[in-house]
């Protein structure tokens, strides 16, 4: 089974988030990047990070996720950095 650019991008984002949380010394109970279902709109992936029992979410558009197929860069990188910055407070 071949993964799409969107699915690979979601995996890259989760890996990137885990690395950045480790660098910041933040222990997360859960990191998820999901799409589809009843809680997300079509073409949206929801990144959810749970720290100290509190979830923080970030919705990313499909093209933002697909752009991260090789490496997390650009506007998506900045959005994730801002989310992690909120967790650090």
Protein backbone atom coordinates (compact mmCIF):
# COMPACT_ATOMS: atom_id res chain seq x y z
CA UNK A 1 0.00 0.00 0.00
CA UNK A 2 1.42 3.35 -1.05
CA UNK A 3 0.99 6.40 1.16
CA UNK A 4 -0.16 9.68 -0.35
CA UNK A 5 1.72 12.97 0.04
CA UNK A 6 -0.94 14.00 2.55
CA UNK A 7 -0.45 10.88 4.70
CA UNK A 8 3.35 11.15 4.56
CA UNK A 9 3.08 14.84 5.47
CA UNK A 10 1.00 14.00 8.54
CA UNK A 11 3.65 11.51 9.67
CA UNK A 12 6.46 14.03 9.10
CA UNK A 13 4.56 16.65 11.10
CA UNK A 14 4.07 14.31 14.08
CA UNK A 15 7.77 13.39 14.02
CA UNK A 16 8.76 17.05 13.81
CA UNK A 17 6.48 17.96 16.72
CA UNK A 18 7.96 15.16 18.85
CA UNK A 19 11.50 16.43 18.15
CA UNK A 20 10.60 20.03 18.92
CA UNK A 21 8.84 19.10 22.15
CA UNK A 22 11.92 17.11 23.21
CA UNK A 23 14.14 20.12 22.46
CA UNK A 24 11.87 22.33 24.54
CA UNK A 25 11.79 19.84 27.40
CA UNK A 26 8.01 19.38 27.14
CA UNK A 27 6.58 15.93 27.86
CA UNK A 28 3.48 15.21 25.79
CA UNK A 29 0.98 12.51 26.65
CA UNK A 30 -0.24 12.36 23.05
CA UNK A 31 0.56 13.77 19.60
CA UNK A 32 -1.92 13.12 16.80
CA UNK A 33 -2.50 14.43 13.31
CA UNK A 34 -5.83 13.20 12.00
CA UNK A 35 -8.14 13.96 9.10
CA UNK A 36 -11.52 12.79 7.96
CA UNK A 37 -14.28 11.74 10.29
CA UNK A 38 -16.91 14.01 11.78
CA UNK A 39 -14.63 16.40 13.69
CA UNK A 40 -12.53 17.74 10.81
CA UNK A 41 -13.63 19.36 7.60
CA UNK A 42 -12.62 17.84 4.26
CA UNK A 43 -9.10 18.91 3.26
CA UNK A 44 -8.10 19.65 6.87
CA UNK A 45 -5.73 17.79 9.17
CA UNK A 46 -6.01 18.49 12.89
CA UNK A 47 -2.82 18.36 14.92
CA UNK A 48 -3.55 17.67 18.59
CA UNK A 49 -0.93 17.75 21.33
CA UNK A 50 -1.88 16.82 24.88
CA UNK A 51 0.38 18.18 27.63
CA UNK A 52 -0.51 17.91 31.32
CA UNK A 53 -3.93 16.59 30.34
CA UNK A 54 -4.74 19.70 28.29
CA UNK A 55 -5.20 19.38 24.52
CA UNK A 56 -4.01 22.08 22.12
CA UNK A 57 -5.05 21.86 18.48
CA UNK A 58 -3.97 23.31 15.17
CA UNK A 59 -5.89 22.85 11.93
CA UNK A 60 -3.75 22.61 8.80
CA UNK A 61 -4.96 22.75 5.20
CA UNK A 62 -4.23 19.83 2.89
CA UNK A 63 -1.66 21.76 0.85
CA UNK A 64 0.20 22.72 4.06
CA UNK A 65 0.40 19.06 5.06
CA UNK A 66 1.42 17.91 1.58
CA UNK A 67 4.19 20.54 1.51
CA UNK A 68 5.71 18.70 4.49
CA UNK A 69 6.11 15.40 2.62
CA UNK A 70 9.92 15.72 2.77
CA UNK A 71 10.50 18.14 5.64
CA UNK A 72 8.38 20.49 7.76
CA UNK A 73 9.02 23.97 6.35
CA UNK A 74 7.56 27.36 5.67
CA UNK A 75 4.33 28.63 7.14
CA UNK A 76 3.48 25.20 8.57
CA UNK A 77 6.76 25.21 10.53
CA UNK A 78 5.93 28.65 11.96
CA UNK A 79 2.40 27.60 12.93
CA UNK A 80 3.72 24.53 14.74
CA UNK A 81 6.43 26.60 16.46
CA UNK A 82 3.75 29.02 17.73
CA UNK A 83 1.66 26.10 19.04
CA UNK A 84 4.68 24.68 20.88
CA UNK A 85 5.45 28.14 22.24
CA UNK A 86 1.97 28.25 23.79
CA UNK A 87 2.59 24.85 25.40
CA UNK A 88 5.86 26.05 26.93
CA UNK A 89 4.11 28.75 28.98
